[in-house]
Protein backbone atom coordinates (compact mmCIF):
# COMPACT_ATOMS: atom_id res chain seq x y z
CA MET A 1 -31.30 -67.38 28.57
CA ARG A 2 -31.04 -64.15 26.30
CA LEU A 3 -29.17 -64.30 23.27
CA ASP A 4 -27.20 -61.06 23.92
CA THR A 5 -25.77 -62.80 27.15
CA LEU A 6 -24.25 -65.45 24.86
CA LEU A 7 -22.77 -62.69 22.63
CA GLU A 8 -21.64 -60.31 25.34
CA ARG A 9 -17.81 -60.59 24.34
CA LEU A 10 -18.32 -60.61 20.71
CA GLU A 11 -18.58 -57.82 18.04
CA TYR A 12 -21.74 -58.44 15.93
CA LYS A 13 -24.58 -56.97 13.77
CA VAL A 14 -28.34 -57.62 14.13
CA VAL A 15 -29.34 -58.46 10.71
CA GLN A 16 -33.13 -59.05 11.61
CA GLY A 17 -35.13 -59.92 14.92
CA SER A 18 -33.61 -58.91 18.23
CA ALA A 19 -30.30 -59.68 20.41
CA GLU A 20 -32.74 -59.81 23.30
CA THR A 21 -34.43 -63.15 22.09
CA GLU A 22 -34.73 -65.86 24.34
CA VAL A 23 -32.89 -69.07 23.39
CA THR A 24 -32.84 -72.54 24.88
CA THR A 25 -29.70 -74.35 23.38
CA LEU A 26 -26.57 -73.56 21.57
CA ILE A 27 -26.02 -75.76 18.71
CA ASN A 28 -23.72 -76.06 15.75
CA ASP A 29 -24.83 -79.44 14.21
CA SER A 30 -28.20 -78.75 12.38
CA ARG A 31 -29.48 -82.35 13.18
CA LYS A 32 -29.41 -81.39 17.03
CA VAL A 33 -31.47 -78.32 16.64
CA GLU A 34 -34.66 -78.28 18.54
CA ASN A 35 -37.37 -75.43 19.42
CA GLY A 36 -35.79 -72.39 20.67
CA SER A 37 -32.07 -73.17 19.86
CA VAL A 38 -29.48 -70.68 18.57
CA PHE A 39 -27.73 -72.34 15.54
CA VAL A 40 -24.25 -71.23 14.75
CA CYS A 41 -23.39 -71.66 11.02
CA ILE A 42 -20.06 -73.08 10.61
CA SER A 43 -18.17 -73.34 7.39
CA GLY A 44 -16.47 -76.64 7.52
CA ALA A 45 -14.16 -78.67 5.24
CA VAL A 46 -16.87 -81.19 4.51
CA SER A 47 -20.12 -79.03 5.11
CA ASP A 48 -21.40 -75.59 5.24
CA GLY A 49 -23.93 -74.79 7.98
CA HIS A 50 -25.20 -71.77 6.12
CA LYS A 51 -26.79 -74.38 3.71
CA TYR A 52 -29.12 -75.60 6.37
CA ALA A 53 -30.37 -72.18 7.54
CA ALA A 54 -34.05 -72.90 6.11
CA GLU A 55 -34.09 -76.20 7.42
CA VAL A 56 -33.13 -75.23 10.95
CA ALA A 57 -35.61 -72.30 11.11
CA GLU A 58 -38.45 -74.80 10.13
CA LYS A 59 -37.09 -77.10 13.01
CA GLY A 60 -37.87 -74.20 15.35
CA ALA A 61 -34.44 -72.27 15.73
CA ALA A 62 -35.09 -68.83 17.29
CA ALA A 63 -31.82 -67.39 16.24
CA LEU A 64 -28.82 -68.02 13.69
CA VAL A 65 -25.34 -66.68 14.01
CA VAL A 66 -23.97 -66.30 10.37
CA GLU A 67 -20.91 -65.07 8.54
CA LYS A 68 -22.62 -65.17 5.26
CA ASP A 69 -26.07 -63.88 4.05
CA VAL A 70 -29.01 -66.30 4.62
CA GLU A 71 -32.63 -66.22 4.03
CA VAL A 72 -35.04 -67.28 6.84
CA PRO A 73 -38.37 -66.16 7.89
CA ALA A 74 -38.76 -62.71 9.60
CA ASP A 75 -39.45 -64.17 13.00
CA VAL A 76 -35.92 -65.81 13.22
CA THR A 77 -33.31 -63.68 14.57
CA VAL A 78 -30.20 -63.42 12.38
CA ILE A 79 -26.83 -62.07 14.05
CA LYS A 80 -23.95 -61.59 11.69
CA VAL A 81 -20.13 -61.84 13.08
CA GLU A 82 -17.00 -61.76 11.20
CA ASP A 83 -16.03 -65.65 11.93
CA THR A 84 -18.66 -67.93 13.32
CA ARG A 85 -15.99 -70.47 14.57
CA TYR A 86 -14.65 -67.69 16.76
CA ALA A 87 -18.15 -66.76 17.73
CA LEU A 88 -18.98 -70.42 18.67
CA ALA A 89 -16.01 -70.44 21.02
CA LEU A 90 -16.81 -67.27 22.94
CA MET A 91 -20.52 -68.16 23.03
CA SER A 92 -19.84 -71.70 24.27
CA ALA A 93 -17.82 -70.19 27.19
CA ALA A 94 -20.72 -68.00 28.03
CA TYR A 95 -23.38 -70.62 27.64
CA PHE A 96 -21.52 -72.84 30.37
CA GLY A 97 -20.93 -69.94 32.73
CA TYR A 98 -17.19 -69.36 31.73
CA PRO A 99 -15.96 -72.42 33.53
CA ALA A 100 -12.41 -71.95 32.22
CA GLU A 101 -12.05 -69.05 34.60
CA LYS A 102 -12.40 -71.26 37.56
CA LEU A 103 -9.52 -73.41 36.37
CA LYS A 104 -5.85 -73.15 36.02
CA ILE A 105 -5.35 -74.40 32.23
CA VAL A 106 -2.15 -75.72 31.05
CA GLY A 107 -2.03 -76.10 26.99
CA ILE A 108 0.69 -77.88 25.26
CA THR A 109 1.25 -77.53 21.40
CA GLY A 110 3.96 -78.87 19.39
CA THR A 111 4.44 -81.77 16.69
CA LYS A 112 5.71 -84.23 19.02
CA GLY A 113 5.47 -85.04 22.84
CA LYS A 114 2.10 -83.47 23.56
CA THR A 115 0.35 -86.66 24.71
CA THR A 116 3.20 -87.94 26.93
CA THR A 117 3.74 -84.61 28.45
CA THR A 118 0.19 -83.95 29.47
CA TYR A 119 0.08 -87.32 31.31
CA MET A 120 3.42 -86.55 32.99
CA ILE A 121 2.30 -83.19 34.33
CA LYS A 122 -1.34 -84.70 35.48
CA SER A 123 0.70 -87.51 37.28
CA ILE A 124 2.96 -84.92 39.20
CA LEU A 125 0.22 -82.55 40.04
CA GLU A 126 -2.01 -85.21 41.43
CA GLU A 127 1.03 -86.30 43.71
CA THR A 128 0.53 -82.98 45.41
CA GLY A 129 -3.16 -83.00 45.87
CA HIS A 130 -4.38 -81.22 42.75
CA LYS A 131 -7.47 -82.58 41.03
CA VAL A 132 -6.65 -82.51 37.31
CA GLY A 133 -8.77 -82.72 34.27
CA LEU A 134 -7.19 -83.87 30.83
CA ILE A 135 -8.07 -83.17 27.36
CA GLY A 136 -6.05 -85.01 24.60
CA THR A 137 -5.35 -87.21 21.58
CA ILE A 138 -6.30 -90.36 23.44
CA GLU A 139 -9.12 -89.33 25.75
CA ALA A 140 -10.62 -86.61 27.97
CA ILE A 141 -10.36 -87.29 31.75
CA ILE A 142 -13.06 -85.90 34.14
CA GLY A 143 -12.71 -87.45 37.52
CA GLU A 144 -13.19 -90.98 37.20
CA LYS A 145 -14.76 -90.62 33.70
CA LYS A 146 -12.85 -91.21 30.56
CA ILE A 147 -14.24 -90.23 27.05
CA PRO A 148 -12.52 -91.55 24.00
CA ALA A 149 -11.17 -88.70 21.76
CA ALA A 150 -12.23 -87.84 18.17
CA ASN A 151 -9.78 -84.94 17.60
CA THR A 152 -6.60 -83.79 19.73
CA THR A 153 -8.44 -80.76 20.51
CA PRO A 154 -12.29 -80.98 20.32
CA GLU A 155 -14.77 -78.52 19.06
CA SER A 156 -15.05 -75.47 21.35
CA TYR A 157 -18.36 -76.34 22.48
CA THR A 158 -17.05 -79.58 23.58
CA ILE A 159 -14.23 -78.08 25.47
CA HIS A 160 -16.30 -75.87 27.49
CA GLN A 161 -18.60 -78.41 28.14
CA TYR A 162 -15.82 -80.66 29.51
CA PHE A 163 -14.46 -77.70 31.61
CA ALA A 164 -17.76 -77.31 33.13
CA GLU A 165 -17.93 -80.99 34.08
CA MET A 166 -14.58 -80.61 35.65
CA VAL A 167 -15.37 -77.73 37.71
CA LYS A 168 -18.50 -79.71 38.88
CA GLU A 169 -16.07 -82.74 39.58
CA GLY A 170 -13.90 -80.44 41.97
CA CYS A 171 -10.98 -80.26 39.30
CA ASP A 172 -8.69 -76.98 40.10
CA CYS A 173 -6.72 -77.40 36.86
CA VAL A 174 -6.57 -78.77 33.50
CA VAL A 175 -3.66 -79.92 31.22
CA MET A 176 -4.70 -80.14 27.51
CA GLU A 177 -3.26 -80.79 24.05
CA VAL A 178 -3.77 -77.77 21.87
CA SER A 179 -3.22 -78.84 18.28
CA SER A 180 -2.40 -76.31 15.40
CA GLN A 181 -5.74 -77.27 13.78
CA GLY A 182 -7.63 -76.48 16.92
CA LEU A 183 -5.79 -73.16 17.03
CA MET A 184 -6.34 -72.37 13.50
CA LEU A 185 -10.14 -73.15 13.82
CA HIS A 186 -10.61 -71.24 16.91
CA ARG A 187 -11.34 -74.15 19.09
CA THR A 188 -9.49 -72.77 21.95
CA ALA A 189 -10.32 -69.06 21.31
CA GLY A 190 -11.07 -67.06 24.53
CA ILE A 191 -9.49 -69.57 26.82
CA PRO A 192 -7.37 -67.79 29.61
CA PHE A 193 -4.58 -70.13 29.38
CA GLU A 194 -2.23 -70.11 32.67
CA ILE A 195 0.70 -71.69 30.89
CA GLY A 196 1.34 -72.46 27.37
CA ILE A 197 3.97 -75.01 26.17
CA PHE A 198 5.86 -75.40 22.89
CA THR A 199 7.54 -78.65 22.39
CA ASN A 200 8.88 -78.74 19.07
CA LEU A 201 8.06 -78.49 15.40
CA GLY A 202 8.38 -80.68 12.57
CA ARG A 203 7.12 -80.83 8.87
CA ASP A 204 3.58 -82.40 9.57
CA HIS A 205 0.01 -81.84 8.98
CA ILE A 206 0.57 -79.96 5.69
CA GLY A 207 -2.23 -80.75 3.24
CA PRO A 208 -5.38 -79.69 1.61
CA ASN A 209 -7.59 -80.35 4.82
CA GLU A 210 -4.78 -79.11 7.27
CA HIS A 211 -2.34 -76.30 6.80
CA LYS A 212 -1.61 -74.65 3.47
CA ASP A 213 2.17 -74.65 4.14
CA PHE A 214 4.86 -74.96 6.91
CA GLU A 215 4.69 -71.10 7.49
CA ASP A 216 1.08 -71.40 8.34
CA TYR A 217 1.69 -74.33 10.52
CA LYS A 218 4.18 -72.36 12.35
CA ARG A 219 1.98 -69.30 12.70
CA CYS A 220 -0.94 -71.30 14.02
CA LYS A 221 1.34 -72.85 16.69
CA GLY A 222 2.44 -69.16 17.62
CA LEU A 223 -1.15 -68.37 18.37
CA LEU A 224 -1.15 -70.06 21.71
CA PHE A 225 1.42 -67.68 23.07
CA LYS A 226 -0.82 -64.65 22.61
CA GLN A 227 -3.42 -66.08 24.82
CA CYS A 228 -1.40 -67.36 27.67
CA ARG A 229 -0.03 -65.78 30.91
CA LEU A 230 3.31 -67.69 30.52
CA GLY A 231 4.80 -69.38 27.70
CA ILE A 232 7.23 -72.49 28.30
CA ALA A 233 9.57 -73.34 25.18
CA ASN A 234 12.01 -75.88 23.98
CA VAL A 235 14.92 -73.48 23.49
CA ASP A 236 16.67 -76.18 21.42
CA ASP A 237 14.02 -76.30 18.68
CA GLN A 238 15.20 -74.50 15.44
CA TYR A 239 11.79 -72.83 15.11
CA PHE A 240 11.35 -71.68 18.64
CA GLU A 241 12.11 -68.02 17.71
CA ASP A 242 9.79 -68.06 14.93
CA VAL A 243 6.90 -69.64 16.93
CA PHE A 244 7.23 -67.01 19.51
CA SER A 245 8.00 -63.98 17.24
CA GLY A 246 4.59 -62.53 18.21
CA ALA A 247 4.21 -63.82 21.69
CA THR A 248 2.65 -61.62 24.19
CA CYS A 249 3.30 -63.90 27.34
CA LYS A 250 6.14 -64.00 29.69
CA VAL A 251 8.70 -66.63 28.33
CA GLU A 252 10.73 -69.41 30.01
CA THR A 253 12.87 -72.09 28.42
CA PHE A 254 14.08 -75.65 28.81
CA GLY A 255 16.43 -77.82 26.88
CA PHE A 256 20.10 -79.11 26.72
CA SER A 257 21.23 -75.54 25.77
CA GLU A 258 23.32 -73.67 28.42
CA LYS A 259 21.00 -70.61 27.68
CA ALA A 260 17.84 -72.81 28.93
CA ASP A 261 16.19 -71.55 32.25
CA LEU A 262 15.83 -75.45 33.09
CA ARG A 263 18.21 -77.71 31.42
CA ALA A 264 19.21 -81.35 31.38
CA GLU A 265 22.93 -82.29 32.22
CA ASN A 266 24.88 -85.74 32.37
CA VAL A 267 22.36 -87.51 30.50
CA ARG A 268 22.94 -91.36 30.62
CA LEU A 269 20.84 -94.47 29.18
CA VAL A 270 19.66 -97.24 31.55
CA SER A 271 19.23 -100.51 30.23
CA ARG A 272 18.37 -104.05 31.50
CA PRO A 273 16.13 -106.87 30.11
CA GLY A 274 12.55 -105.62 29.73
CA TYR A 275 13.63 -102.29 30.80
CA LEU A 276 14.98 -99.17 28.98
CA GLY A 277 15.18 -95.73 30.53
CA VAL A 278 17.08 -92.57 30.95
CA ALA A 279 18.62 -90.54 33.73
CA TYR A 280 19.87 -87.00 34.22
CA HIS A 281 20.78 -84.04 36.47
CA VAL A 282 18.20 -81.16 36.21
CA ALA A 283 20.07 -77.97 36.33
CA GLY A 284 19.18 -74.13 36.31
CA VAL A 285 16.14 -72.86 38.23
CA MET A 286 15.83 -76.26 39.82
CA GLU A 287 18.54 -78.83 40.88
CA PHE A 288 18.01 -82.50 41.34
CA ASP A 289 18.65 -85.93 39.75
CA VAL A 290 15.85 -87.74 37.96
CA GLU A 291 15.20 -91.32 36.28
CA ILE A 292 12.44 -91.96 33.71
CA ASP A 293 11.13 -95.36 32.80
CA THR A 294 11.00 -94.48 29.07
CA PRO A 295 13.97 -94.24 26.85
CA GLY A 296 15.75 -91.74 24.78
CA THR A 297 16.33 -88.05 24.32
CA PHE A 298 12.90 -87.14 23.59
CA SER A 299 11.93 -88.50 27.11
CA VAL A 300 14.39 -86.11 28.74
CA TYR A 301 12.38 -83.34 26.74
CA ASN A 302 9.03 -84.48 27.66
CA SER A 303 10.04 -84.71 31.44
CA LEU A 304 11.81 -81.34 31.27
CA THR A 305 8.88 -79.75 29.93
CA ALA A 306 6.45 -81.29 32.86
CA ILE A 307 9.15 -80.16 35.46
CA SER A 308 9.03 -76.78 33.92
CA VAL A 309 5.31 -76.50 34.53
CA CYS A 310 5.00 -78.22 37.82
CA ARG A 311 7.65 -75.78 39.00
CA HIS A 312 5.07 -73.14 38.93
CA PHE A 313 2.61 -75.09 40.92
CA GLU A 314 5.41 -75.12 43.69
CA VAL A 315 5.81 -78.98 43.57
CA PRO A 316 8.75 -80.24 45.55
CA ALA A 317 11.54 -82.01 43.54
CA GLU A 318 11.00 -85.14 45.67
CA LEU A 319 7.54 -85.56 44.60
CA ILE A 320 8.42 -84.80 41.02
CA LYS A 321 10.80 -87.47 40.84
CA ASP A 322 8.37 -90.02 42.31
CA ALA A 323 5.67 -88.87 40.09
CA LEU A 324 8.01 -89.14 36.74
CA LYS A 325 8.64 -92.79 37.67
CA LYS A 326 4.88 -93.64 37.85
CA ALA A 327 3.83 -91.59 34.73
CA LYS A 328 2.55 -93.97 32.11
CA VAL A 329 0.94 -93.36 28.81
CA LYS A 330 -0.74 -96.04 27.04
CA GLY A 331 0.62 -96.78 23.59
CA ARG A 332 3.55 -94.26 23.87
CA ILE A 333 6.83 -96.46 24.40
CA GLU A 334 4.77 -98.71 26.45
CA MET A 335 6.95 -101.49 27.70
CA VAL A 336 5.04 -104.99 28.05
CA LYS A 337 7.03 -107.58 30.01
CA VAL A 338 6.99 -110.91 27.93
CA SER A 339 10.56 -112.17 28.66
CA ASP A 340 13.68 -111.86 30.77
CA ASP A 341 15.55 -112.07 27.43
CA PHE A 342 14.27 -109.36 25.43
CA THR A 343 12.50 -106.14 25.64
CA LEU A 344 8.91 -105.71 23.99
CA MET A 345 7.06 -102.37 23.58
CA ILE A 346 4.08 -100.75 21.99
CA ASP A 347 4.24 -97.30 20.47
CA TYR A 348 1.89 -95.12 18.25
CA ALA A 349 4.55 -94.17 15.92
CA HIS A 350 2.55 -93.95 12.67
CA ASN A 351 4.54 -91.86 10.15
CA ALA A 352 8.34 -91.75 9.02
CA MET A 353 9.28 -88.77 11.40
CA SER A 354 8.10 -90.46 14.68
CA LEU A 355 9.22 -93.87 13.48
CA GLU A 356 12.66 -92.61 12.52
CA SER A 357 12.82 -90.81 15.97
CA LEU A 358 11.74 -94.02 17.74
CA LEU A 359 14.20 -96.35 16.03
CA THR A 360 16.91 -94.04 16.42
CA THR A 361 16.43 -93.50 19.97
CA LEU A 362 16.10 -97.45 20.58
CA LYS A 363 19.42 -98.04 18.45
CA GLU A 364 21.45 -96.03 21.08
CA TYR A 365 20.76 -98.77 23.55
CA HIS A 366 22.68 -100.89 21.18
CA PRO A 367 20.29 -104.13 21.11
CA LYS A 368 21.24 -107.39 19.72
CA ARG A 369 18.73 -106.84 17.15
CA LEU A 370 16.22 -103.97 16.78
CA VAL A 371 12.93 -105.58 15.27
CA CYS A 372 10.22 -103.10 14.05
CA LEU A 373 6.58 -104.46 13.38
CA PHE A 374 4.31 -102.22 11.65
CA GLY A 375 1.52 -101.66 9.00
CA CYS A 376 0.15 -98.67 7.33
CA GLY A 377 -3.38 -97.15 7.33
CA GLY A 378 -5.37 -97.45 4.13
CA ASN A 379 -7.00 -94.75 2.14
CA ARG A 380 -4.11 -92.53 3.30
CA SER A 381 -1.21 -91.09 1.73
CA ARG A 382 0.84 -93.82 -0.15
CA ASP A 383 3.96 -91.70 0.42
CA ARG A 384 3.82 -92.36 4.05
CA ARG A 385 3.89 -96.17 3.27
CA PHE A 386 7.06 -95.74 1.15
CA GLU A 387 8.67 -93.41 3.76
CA MET A 388 7.91 -95.73 6.60
CA GLY A 389 9.26 -98.75 4.89
CA GLU A 390 12.57 -96.93 4.01
CA VAL A 391 12.86 -95.88 7.50
CA SER A 392 12.50 -99.42 8.93
CA GLY A 393 14.68 -100.89 6.36
CA ARG A 394 17.31 -98.61 7.21
CA LEU A 395 17.12 -98.58 10.84
CA ALA A 396 15.77 -101.96 12.02
CA ASP A 397 17.64 -105.23 11.92
CA LEU A 398 14.47 -107.06 11.01
CA THR A 399 11.09 -105.56 9.90
CA ILE A 400 7.82 -107.47 10.39
CA ILE A 401 5.29 -105.81 7.81
CA THR A 402 1.90 -106.57 8.84
CA SER A 403 -1.66 -104.93 8.56
CA ASP A 404 -2.87 -101.74 10.44
CA ASN A 405 -6.26 -100.34 9.57
CA PRO A 406 -6.81 -101.28 6.05
CA ARG A 407 -10.11 -99.57 5.87
CA PHE A 408 -11.38 -99.73 2.31
CA GLU A 409 -8.04 -100.92 0.66
CA GLU A 410 -6.63 -104.51 0.25
CA PRO A 411 -4.20 -105.10 3.01
CA GLN A 412 -1.84 -106.80 0.56
CA ALA A 413 -1.63 -103.62 -1.74
CA ILE A 414 -0.59 -101.56 1.47
CA ILE A 415 1.95 -104.25 2.40
CA ASP A 416 3.52 -104.05 -1.26
CA ASP A 417 3.78 -100.27 -0.90
CA ILE A 418 5.73 -100.67 2.32
CA LYS A 419 8.03 -103.28 0.51
CA THR A 420 8.62 -100.84 -2.05
CA GLY A 421 9.98 -98.49 0.40
CA ILE A 422 12.15 -101.15 2.27
CA GLY A 423 13.46 -102.17 -1.29
CA LYS A 424 15.33 -98.93 -1.36
CA THR A 425 17.55 -100.37 1.72
CA ASN A 426 19.22 -103.57 2.42
CA GLY A 427 16.91 -104.11 5.32
CA LYS A 428 15.61 -107.63 6.00
CA TYR A 429 11.98 -108.16 6.35
CA VAL A 430 9.14 -110.76 6.65
CA GLU A 431 5.52 -110.09 5.76
CA ILE A 432 2.71 -111.64 7.82
CA CYS A 433 -0.55 -109.93 7.04
CA ASP A 434 -2.64 -111.09 10.27
CA ARG A 435 -1.29 -108.75 12.98
CA LYS A 436 -1.71 -111.37 15.69
CA GLU A 437 0.24 -113.77 13.69
CA ALA A 438 2.87 -111.29 13.03
CA ILE A 439 3.20 -110.59 16.84
CA LYS A 440 3.41 -114.29 17.40
CA TYR A 441 6.28 -114.55 15.07
CA ALA A 442 8.07 -111.39 16.75
CA ILE A 443 7.87 -112.95 20.42
CA SER A 444 8.42 -116.61 19.31
CA HIS A 445 11.59 -115.48 17.51
CA GLY A 446 12.95 -112.98 19.99
CA GLU A 447 16.50 -113.38 20.82
CA VAL A 448 18.55 -112.36 24.09
CA GLY A 449 19.22 -108.85 23.82
CA ASP A 450 16.56 -107.84 21.29
CA VAL A 451 14.42 -104.78 21.31
CA ILE A 452 11.19 -105.39 19.65
CA VAL A 453 8.76 -102.56 18.82
CA LEU A 454 5.06 -102.94 17.82
CA ALA A 455 4.60 -99.60 16.08
CA GLY A 456 1.62 -97.78 14.70
CA LYS A 457 -1.42 -98.77 16.76
CA GLY A 458 -0.55 -97.47 20.21
CA HIS A 459 -3.48 -96.76 22.36
CA GLU A 460 -5.87 -97.79 19.66
CA ASP A 461 -8.08 -100.82 20.69
CA TYR A 462 -9.50 -101.44 17.24
CA GLN A 463 -8.75 -102.52 13.67
CA GLU A 464 -10.93 -100.60 10.88
CA ILE A 465 -11.69 -102.66 7.79
CA LYS A 466 -14.27 -101.88 5.19
CA GLY A 467 -15.91 -99.13 7.37
CA VAL A 468 -16.43 -101.51 10.47
CA LYS A 469 -14.22 -101.15 13.63
CA TYR A 470 -13.27 -104.40 15.06
CA PRO A 471 -12.10 -104.88 18.58
CA MET A 472 -8.28 -105.40 18.49
CA ASP A 473 -5.85 -104.34 21.35
CA GLU A 474 -2.29 -105.37 21.08
CA ARG A 475 -2.11 -105.76 24.90
CA VAL A 476 -4.96 -108.54 24.48
CA LEU A 477 -3.10 -109.96 21.43
CA ILE A 478 0.03 -110.35 23.22
CA ALA A 479 -1.68 -112.06 26.24
CA GLU A 480 -3.42 -114.49 23.82
CA VAL A 481 -0.01 -115.05 21.91
CA LEU A 482 1.61 -115.80 25.24
CA GLU A 483 -1.01 -118.31 26.34
CA GLU A 484 -0.69 -120.11 22.79
CA LEU A 485 3.00 -120.31 22.84
CA LYS A 486 2.84 -121.91 26.58
CA GLU A 487 0.29 -124.38 25.25
CA GLU A 488 2.06 -125.25 22.05
CA LYS A 489 5.29 -125.88 24.57
CA GLN A 490 3.43 -128.01 26.77
CA GLU A 491 2.18 -130.06 23.83
CA LYS A 492 5.56 -130.53 22.42
CA ASP A 493 6.97 -131.39 25.94
CA GLN A 494 4.27 -134.09 26.22
CA ASN A 495 5.02 -135.46 22.69
CA LYS A 496 8.70 -136.04 23.76
């Protein structure tokens, strides 16, 4: 293909060579350059692609797209653009034949709720015969294929590669999580979103390699609503108007507020052993009753979001109700039946904000005891450990401190930091470093009416220790624990 075909939607300057140069592949990783490639030099947080200009030219790159000056042999075409990340996004779309234009794309941004809501929307749309692709924090789903995710929103090249595969698989729509990082780094530039969704905004992702401050975080969230046809927003969120201040799309709202276009009324909690849910009446632009198999207010918001979207795909209320009952997300308030006496669940809550939200929600069900098992990741902010310890100490009746992904730190040092946080409260705790033993303790000491939450790992199926990821899935650990407890009971009975 010709280079100018890939550049057709960009403003650019030919520094040397010709835009009519024939190229073979579009690459932004210097290690993958081959003869005839066009290499896009990205200035990343860790490495700057411009530093590899001479190296990729030697490997046979036919052209380079840059935002800084580089020196390469005269037979290599050099194209200068204002922003190479933006250029990569638009060139990727062209490279794969603009697959996004053959799909209806729903993008979800917000601090919490993105993952659960994407699966809810996928579940509902599939009930009505749509073939739905998914891109998110846990995985990308293309037909029967599931690809584990490295980032919530992948690099733009990967996104368009996925879109192209989805079109080939017969998908007619895609639901995807759109992170503020993805928006800031132009990973989603040029995608014609049919619907953009704003769930909520909390003070997260502020730091040297993320957003410089909260204002920047807020601004980046708002970028989605400058590139979608319809924006659907949580009107109850205090930052709703800030995020939508520069919106160019049509706007609809959901929430509890009377001014919401779609709202939840008469919310009631549903509880029985091994099951926590919520029921409510949908009012406004649609009217029906609904019950969801996940607890709390945020489940109401997540389901309202899904209903708001599916209304625009003309999904009937009865199908929405059925699909919401079936929608399950691995590691997001995932209930695992282990006893008729108490409720056990797995959740990804791995920072103070999400843990507080989860435990506050579960307390509303008035469990006999709320038991919280968690650890914290190594080589991450120590503040997170103090904060999570304090939250669990304050809200849980018993905290079981254990190991998460210690990475290159000593697990005991992380546990000691969590204990410092708990020390600011009157909370009771036990410490059991081995996660499986900690789960065994939680299950074997479960009492009638307890709610036990295993927090922090969620959908993860590994434990990272000293640079190695060892297989570890909490569902497997629970099954092993139940088998061990059964054998121990049989042995005990025989010895009577």
